[in-house]
Amino acid sequence: MKTIKIIGLFCAALFCGCVLFGCASKKPVPAPEPPPVVEAKPVYPLRPIDQNIVDQVLESGDSLKMLQYYISDTVTLAKESLRQDMEVRDGAGLRREVSASGQIVIKKETAGILARSFYGPDKRRVLAVSFDETSDRDTLFFMWNPAQGRFTLDYDIESRLAGYGDQKYQVSFSGDTPYLLIRFSEEKANKPSERVIRGRFIP
């Protein structure tokens, strides 16, 4: 009987020890951290950039290169090149002509950055915009068009040739001449002021 009590006490002590050890070994699980709050930037509507906006940006001391530009319509630039090679084969001269053709497609509302700005021969501002993620040299040229009130693609209407960087390409597009867009909005603020006139007295 005494032996049974000792065994019972031993088992009880062992059970309590296991429970206490288990409780002590369990570490509290930290609560998951809330995700960081990211404020969404306002998305302004696209609209043509005009000379008035250019002047206001420059007057404010900002650079035109700080603006993100977009093209209003899809433009396809095509070019064919002819290369002549000369080699000697079986004791005779052989001249080969190799023609190659390629296209560059800039889709509607593709984003671009301003590479440079200058004035054309007729004193109109030209914006050279790069849409190519690999090159600052390959740019399309957009000239201020006062009749349309926007910067339109600069190309020769008769030959349909447009400059792309330092080369000429056959240009094609559907609809009106493509032009430059920027994201733009207007805000109107009313800041009333009040001044109470206290009157003037003879000193």
C-alpha atoms as a PDB file:
ATOM      1  CA  MET A   1       0.000   0.000   0.000  1.00  0.00           C
ATOM      2  CA  LYS A   2       2.872   2.314   0.866  1.00  0.00           C
ATOM      3  CA  THR A   3       4.578   1.428  -2.389  1.00  0.00           C
ATOM      4  CA  ILE A   4       1.456   2.314  -4.376  1.00  0.00           C
ATOM      5  CA  LYS A   5       1.278   5.732  -2.676  1.00  0.00           C
ATOM      6  CA  ILE A   6       4.940   6.416  -3.466  1.00  0.00           C
ATOM      7  CA  ILE A   7       4.434   5.454  -7.108  1.00  0.00           C
ATOM      8  CA  GLY A   8       1.294   7.637  -7.262  1.00  0.00           C
ATOM      9  CA  LEU A   9       3.128  10.597  -5.780  1.00  0.00           C
ATOM     10  CA  PHE A  10       6.034  10.071  -8.201  1.00  0.00           C
ATOM     11  CA  CYS A  11       3.696   9.947 -11.195  1.00  0.00           C
ATOM     12  CA  ALA A  12       1.857  13.046 -10.034  1.00  0.00           C
ATOM     13  CA  ALA A  13       5.122  14.910  -9.561  1.00  0.00           C
ATOM     14  CA  LEU A  14       6.328  13.760 -12.971  1.00  0.00           C
ATOM     15  CA  PHE A  15       3.076  14.891 -14.609  1.00  0.00           C
ATOM     16  CA  CYS A  16       3.236  18.318 -12.938  1.00  0.00           C
ATOM     17  CA  GLY A  17       6.856  18.699 -13.992  1.00  0.00           C
ATOM     18  CA  CYS A  18       6.031  17.853 -17.597  1.00  0.00           C
ATOM     19  CA  VAL A  19       3.158  20.315 -17.612  1.00  0.00           C
ATOM     20  CA  LEU A  20       5.291  23.076 -16.110  1.00  0.00           C
ATOM     21  CA  PHE A  21       8.187  22.361 -18.481  1.00  0.00           C
ATOM     22  CA  GLY A  22       5.874  22.330 -21.463  1.00  0.00           C
ATOM     23  CA  CYS A  23       4.326  25.643 -20.480  1.00  0.00           C
ATOM     24  CA  ALA A  24       7.706  27.219 -19.886  1.00  0.00           C
ATOM     25  CA  SER A  25       9.123  25.975 -23.184  1.00  0.00           C
ATOM     26  CA  LYS A  26       6.264  27.415 -25.248  1.00  0.00           C
ATOM     27  CA  LYS A  27       7.228  30.851 -26.413  1.00  0.00           C
ATOM     28  CA  PRO A  28       4.496  33.373 -27.177  1.00  0.00           C
ATOM     29  CA  VAL A  29       3.911  33.729 -30.910  1.00  0.00           C
ATOM     30  CA  PRO A  30       4.311  37.365 -31.925  1.00  0.00           C
ATOM     31  CA  ALA A  31       1.396  38.922 -33.729  1.00  0.00           C
ATOM     32  CA  PRO A  32       2.027  39.490 -37.442  1.00  0.00           C
ATOM     33  CA  GLU A  33       3.031  43.041 -38.315  1.00  0.00           C
ATOM     34  CA  PRO A  34       0.491  44.942 -40.369  1.00  0.00           C
ATOM     35  CA  PRO A  35       1.578  45.636 -43.964  1.00  0.00           C
ATOM     36  CA  PRO A  36       3.016  49.097 -44.567  1.00  0.00           C
ATOM     37  CA  VAL A  37       0.526  51.667 -45.750  1.00  0.00           C
ATOM     38  CA  VAL A  38       1.437  52.868 -49.237  1.00  0.00           C
ATOM     39  CA  GLU A  39      -0.296  56.010 -50.350  1.00  0.00           C
ATOM     40  CA  ALA A  40      -1.507  55.706 -53.925  1.00  0.00           C
ATOM     41  CA  LYS A  41      -0.285  58.480 -56.202  1.00  0.00           C
ATOM     42  CA  PRO A  42      -3.034  60.360 -57.972  1.00  0.00           C
ATOM     43  CA  VAL A  43      -3.393  59.422 -61.630  1.00  0.00           C
ATOM     44  CA  TYR A  44      -4.002  62.534 -63.669  1.00  0.00           C
ATOM     45  CA  PRO A  45      -5.727  62.343 -67.064  1.00  0.00           C
ATOM     46  CA  LEU A  46      -3.722  62.511 -70.282  1.00  0.00           C
ATOM     47  CA  ARG A  47      -3.922  65.674 -72.337  1.00  0.00           C
ATOM     48  CA  PRO A  48      -1.841  67.275 -75.106  1.00  0.00           C
ATOM     49  CA  ILE A  49       1.080  69.367 -73.972  1.00  0.00           C
ATOM     50  CA  ASP A  50       0.963  72.852 -75.455  1.00  0.00           C
ATOM     51  CA  GLN A  51       3.218  75.879 -75.574  1.00  0.00           C
ATOM     52  CA  ASN A  52       1.438  77.475 -72.628  1.00  0.00           C
ATOM     53  CA  ILE A  53       2.260  74.506 -70.384  1.00  0.00           C
ATOM     54  CA  VAL A  54       5.876  74.546 -71.611  1.00  0.00           C
ATOM     55  CA  ASP A  55       6.203  78.249 -70.795  1.00  0.00           C
ATOM     56  CA  GLN A  56       4.663  77.830 -67.340  1.00  0.00           C
ATOM     57  CA  VAL A  57       6.955  74.902 -66.506  1.00  0.00           C
ATOM     58  CA  LEU A  58      10.025  76.881 -67.559  1.00  0.00           C
ATOM     59  CA  GLU A  59       8.861  80.026 -65.743  1.00  0.00           C
ATOM     60  CA  SER A  60       8.417  78.044 -62.528  1.00  0.00           C
ATOM     61  CA  GLY A  61      12.073  77.009 -62.711  1.00  0.00           C
ATOM     62  CA  ASP A  62      11.336  73.341 -63.412  1.00  0.00           C
ATOM     63  CA  SER A  63      12.778  71.327 -66.280  1.00  0.00           C
ATOM     64  CA  LEU A  64      10.774  69.888 -69.153  1.00  0.00           C
ATOM     65  CA  LYS A  65      12.738  66.672 -68.569  1.00  0.00           C
ATOM     66  CA  MET A  66      10.825  66.169 -65.313  1.00  0.00           C
ATOM     67  CA  LEU A  67       7.619  65.483 -67.271  1.00  0.00           C
ATOM     68  CA  GLN A  68       6.579  61.995 -68.372  1.00  0.00           C
ATOM     69  CA  TYR A  69       5.558  62.035 -72.032  1.00  0.00           C
ATOM     70  CA  TYR A  70       3.235  59.717 -73.970  1.00  0.00           C
ATOM     71  CA  ILE A  71       2.490  59.317 -77.679  1.00  0.00           C
ATOM     72  CA  SER A  72      -1.122  59.752 -78.781  1.00  0.00           C
ATOM     73  CA  ASP A  73      -1.231  57.049 -81.462  1.00  0.00           C
ATOM     74  CA  THR A  74       0.697  54.018 -82.706  1.00  0.00           C
ATOM     75  CA  VAL A  75       3.592  54.877 -85.019  1.00  0.00           C
ATOM     76  CA  THR A  76       5.355  52.384 -87.281  1.00  0.00           C
ATOM     77  CA  LEU A  77       8.819  53.212 -88.607  1.00  0.00           C
ATOM     78  CA  ALA A  78      10.033  51.112 -91.548  1.00  0.00           C
ATOM     79  CA  LYS A  79      13.395  51.060 -93.246  1.00  0.00           C
ATOM     80  CA  GLU A  80      15.004  49.105 -96.056  1.00  0.00           C
ATOM     81  CA  SER A  81      18.756  48.969 -96.422  1.00  0.00           C
ATOM     82  CA  LEU A  82      20.878  47.702 -99.278  1.00  0.00           C
ATOM     83  CA  ARG A  83      24.350  46.332 -98.649  1.00  0.00           C
ATOM     84  CA  GLN A  84      26.894  45.305-101.276  1.00  0.00           C
ATOM     85  CA  ASP A  85      29.597  42.744-100.578  1.00  0.00           C
ATOM     86  CA  MET A  86      32.516  41.791-102.794  1.00  0.00           C
ATOM     87  CA  GLU A  87      34.352  38.484-102.522  1.00  0.00           C
ATOM     88  CA  VAL A  88      36.558  36.275-104.649  1.00  0.00           C
ATOM     89  CA  ARG A  89      35.159  32.847-105.402  1.00  0.00           C
ATOM     90  CA  ASP A  90      36.830  30.226-107.629  1.00  0.00           C
ATOM     91  CA  GLY A  91      39.241  32.792-109.001  1.00  0.00           C
ATOM     92  CA  ALA A  92      36.502  35.224-109.974  1.00  0.00           C
ATOM     93  CA  GLY A  93      35.077  38.327-108.373  1.00  0.00           C
ATOM     94  CA  LEU A  94      31.543  38.081-106.998  1.00  0.00           C
ATOM     95  CA  ARG A  95      29.459  41.040-105.976  1.00  0.00           C
ATOM     96  CA  ARG A  96      26.435  40.366-103.788  1.00  0.00           C
ATOM     97  CA  GLU A  97      23.641  42.728-102.882  1.00  0.00           C
ATOM     98  CA  VAL A  98      21.811  42.059 -99.641  1.00  0.00           C
ATOM     99  CA  SER A  99      18.621  43.958 -98.852  1.00  0.00           C
ATOM    100  CA  ALA A 100      17.277  44.058 -95.321  1.00  0.00           C
ATOM    101  CA  SER A 101      14.054  45.506 -93.997  1.00  0.00           C
ATOM    102  CA  GLY A 102      12.933  46.188 -90.461  1.00  0.00           C
ATOM    103  CA  GLN A 103      10.223  47.908 -88.485  1.00  0.00           C
ATOM    104  CA  ILE A 104      10.081  49.801 -85.232  1.00  0.00           C
ATOM    105  CA  VAL A 105       6.635  50.011 -83.613  1.00  0.00           C
ATOM    106  CA  ILE A 106       5.834  52.551 -80.915  1.00  0.00           C
ATOM    107  CA  LYS A 107       2.377  51.778 -79.602  1.00  0.00           C
ATOM    108  CA  LYS A 108      -0.274  54.222 -78.487  1.00  0.00           C
ATOM    109  CA  GLU A 109       0.369  55.812 -75.052  1.00  0.00           C
ATOM    110  CA  THR A 110       3.900  54.403 -74.838  1.00  0.00           C
ATOM    111  CA  ALA A 111       5.797  56.385 -72.212  1.00  0.00           C
ATOM    112  CA  GLY A 112       8.873  58.405 -73.117  1.00  0.00           C
ATOM    113  CA  ILE A 113      11.338  60.876 -71.674  1.00  0.00           C
ATOM    114  CA  LEU A 114      12.625  64.136 -73.092  1.00  0.00           C
ATOM    115  CA  ALA A 115      16.154  63.757 -74.455  1.00  0.00           C
ATOM    116  CA  ARG A 116      16.557  67.366 -75.565  1.00  0.00           C
ATOM    117  CA  SER A 117      14.696  70.488 -76.604  1.00  0.00           C
ATOM    118  CA  PHE A 118      15.731  72.942 -79.298  1.00  0.00           C
ATOM    119  CA  TYR A 119      14.363  75.385 -81.857  1.00  0.00           C
ATOM    120  CA  GLY A 120      13.858  74.391 -85.488  1.00  0.00           C
ATOM    121  CA  PRO A 121      14.718  76.507 -88.552  1.00  0.00           C
ATOM    122  CA  ASP A 122      11.392  78.323 -88.320  1.00  0.00           C
ATOM    123  CA  LYS A 123      11.970  79.248 -84.652  1.00  0.00           C
ATOM    124  CA  ARG A 124       9.448  76.685 -83.390  1.00  0.00           C
ATOM    125  CA  ARG A 125      10.326  74.562 -80.380  1.00  0.00           C
ATOM    126  CA  VAL A 126      11.100  70.893 -81.024  1.00  0.00           C
ATOM    127  CA  LEU A 127      10.924  68.192 -78.343  1.00  0.00           C
ATOM    128  CA  ALA A 128      13.083  65.123 -78.994  1.00  0.00           C
ATOM    129  CA  VAL A 129      11.519  62.277 -77.002  1.00  0.00           C
ATOM    130  CA  SER A 130      13.019  58.825 -76.474  1.00  0.00           C
ATOM    131  CA  PHE A 131      10.577  55.916 -76.150  1.00  0.00           C
ATOM    132  CA  ASP A 132      13.308  53.269 -76.383  1.00  0.00           C
ATOM    133  CA  GLU A 133      14.307  51.784 -73.034  1.00  0.00           C
ATOM    134  CA  THR A 134      17.788  50.950 -74.354  1.00  0.00           C
ATOM    135  CA  SER A 135      18.853  54.211 -76.000  1.00  0.00           C
ATOM    136  CA  ASP A 136      18.765  57.949 -75.396  1.00  0.00           C
ATOM    137  CA  ARG A 137      19.972  58.561 -78.943  1.00  0.00           C
ATOM    138  CA  ASP A 138      16.967  57.137 -80.814  1.00  0.00           C
ATOM    139  CA  THR A 139      14.331  59.821 -80.510  1.00  0.00           C
ATOM    140  CA  LEU A 140      11.224  60.973 -82.326  1.00  0.00           C
ATOM    141  CA  PHE A 141      10.883  64.689 -82.976  1.00  0.00           C
ATOM    142  CA  PHE A 142       7.734  66.625 -82.152  1.00  0.00           C
ATOM    143  CA  MET A 143       7.389  70.237 -83.338  1.00  0.00           C
ATOM    144  CA  TRP A 144       5.072  72.887 -81.945  1.00  0.00           C
ATOM    145  CA  ASN A 145       2.050  73.122 -84.246  1.00  0.00           C
ATOM    146  CA  PRO A 146       0.185  76.371 -83.527  1.00  0.00           C
ATOM    147  CA  ALA A 147      -2.683  75.432 -85.871  1.00  0.00           C
ATOM    148  CA  GLN A 148      -3.484  72.345 -83.770  1.00  0.00           C
ATOM    149  CA  GLY A 149      -2.246  73.729 -80.457  1.00  0.00           C
ATOM    150  CA  ARG A 150       0.003  70.752 -79.708  1.00  0.00           C
ATOM    151  CA  PHE A 151       3.418  69.207 -80.387  1.00  0.00           C
ATOM    152  CA  THR A 152       2.887  66.970 -83.433  1.00  0.00           C
ATOM    153  CA  LEU A 153       5.214  64.417 -85.018  1.00  0.00           C
ATOM    154  CA  ASP A 154       7.729  66.128 -87.286  1.00  0.00           C
ATOM    155  CA  TYR A 155       7.862  64.336 -90.648  1.00  0.00           C
ATOM    156  CA  ASP A 156       7.864  65.135 -94.364  1.00  0.00           C
ATOM    157  CA  ILE A 157       4.304  64.865 -95.662  1.00  0.00           C
ATOM    158  CA  GLU A 158       5.310  64.148 -99.276  1.00  0.00           C
ATOM    159  CA  SER A 159       8.002  61.505 -98.708  1.00  0.00           C
ATOM    160  CA  ARG A 160       6.509  60.218 -95.419  1.00  0.00           C
ATOM    161  CA  LEU A 161      10.015  60.243 -93.958  1.00  0.00           C
ATOM    162  CA  ALA A 162      10.574  60.964 -90.280  1.00  0.00           C
ATOM    163  CA  GLY A 163      13.775  61.317 -88.348  1.00  0.00           C
ATOM    164  CA  TYR A 164      14.472  58.696 -85.711  1.00  0.00           C
ATOM    165  CA  GLY A 165      17.717  59.584 -84.032  1.00  0.00           C
ATOM    166  CA  ASP A 166      20.180  60.297 -86.852  1.00  0.00           C
ATOM    167  CA  GLN A 167      18.398  58.171 -89.486  1.00  0.00           C
ATOM    168  CA  LYS A 168      15.312  58.512 -91.687  1.00  0.00           C
ATOM    169  CA  TYR A 169      12.423  56.042 -91.663  1.00  0.00           C
ATOM    170  CA  GLN A 170       9.177  55.631 -93.563  1.00  0.00           C
ATOM    171  CA  VAL A 171       6.503  56.540 -91.048  1.00  0.00           C
ATOM    172  CA  SER A 172       2.930  55.277 -90.969  1.00  0.00           C
ATOM    173  CA  PHE A 173       0.045  55.789 -88.567  1.00  0.00           C
ATOM    174  CA  SER A 174      -3.730  55.807 -88.617  1.00  0.00           C
ATOM    175  CA  GLY A 175      -5.825  58.902 -88.111  1.00  0.00           C
ATOM    176  CA  ASP A 176      -4.443  62.326 -87.269  1.00  0.00           C
ATOM    177  CA  THR A 177      -0.763  63.097 -86.926  1.00  0.00           C
ATOM    178  CA  PRO A 178       0.462  61.669 -83.596  1.00  0.00           C
ATOM    179  CA  TYR A 179       1.268  64.189 -80.892  1.00  0.00           C
ATOM    180  CA  LEU A 180       2.666  64.326 -77.378  1.00  0.00           C
ATOM    181  CA  LEU A 181       0.578  63.834 -74.246  1.00  0.00           C
ATOM    182  CA  ILE A 182       1.338  64.415 -70.587  1.00  0.00           C
ATOM    183  CA  ARG A 183      -0.596  63.762 -67.404  1.00  0.00           C
ATOM    184  CA  PHE A 184      -2.125  67.044 -66.379  1.00  0.00           C
ATOM    185  CA  SER A 185      -4.816  68.379 -64.093  1.00  0.00           C
ATOM    186  CA  GLU A 186      -5.919  71.724 -62.745  1.00  0.00           C
ATOM    187  CA  GLU A 187      -6.699  72.661 -59.186  1.00  0.00           C
ATOM    188  CA  LYS A 188      -8.538  75.784 -58.124  1.00  0.00           C
ATOM    189  CA  ALA A 189      -8.052  77.088 -54.612  1.00  0.00           C
ATOM    190  CA  ASN A 190      -9.816  79.982 -52.938  1.00  0.00           C
ATOM    191  CA  LYS A 191      -7.850  81.617 -50.137  1.00  0.00           C
ATOM    192  CA  PRO A 192      -9.957  84.414 -48.675  1.00  0.00           C
ATOM    193  CA  SER A 193      -8.277  87.047 -46.546  1.00  0.00           C
ATOM    194  CA  GLU A 194      -9.764  89.618 -44.211  1.00  0.00           C
ATOM    195  CA  ARG A 195      -8.241  92.711 -42.709  1.00  0.00           C
ATOM    196  CA  VAL A 196     -10.123  94.859 -40.221  1.00  0.00           C
ATOM    197  CA  ILE A 197      -9.394  98.560 -40.634  1.00  0.00           C
ATOM    198  CA  ARG A 198      -9.114 100.118 -37.210  1.00  0.00           C
ATOM    199  CA  GLY A 199      -9.200 103.744 -38.369  1.00  0.00           C
ATOM    200  CA  ARG A 200      -6.640 106.520 -38.024  1.00  0.00           C
ATOM    201  CA  PHE A 201      -6.526 109.114 -35.303  1.00  0.00           C
ATOM    202  CA  ILE A 202      -4.749 112.454 -35.096  1.00  0.00           C
ATOM    203  CA  PRO A 203      -1.606 111.971 -33.057  1.00  0.00           C
END
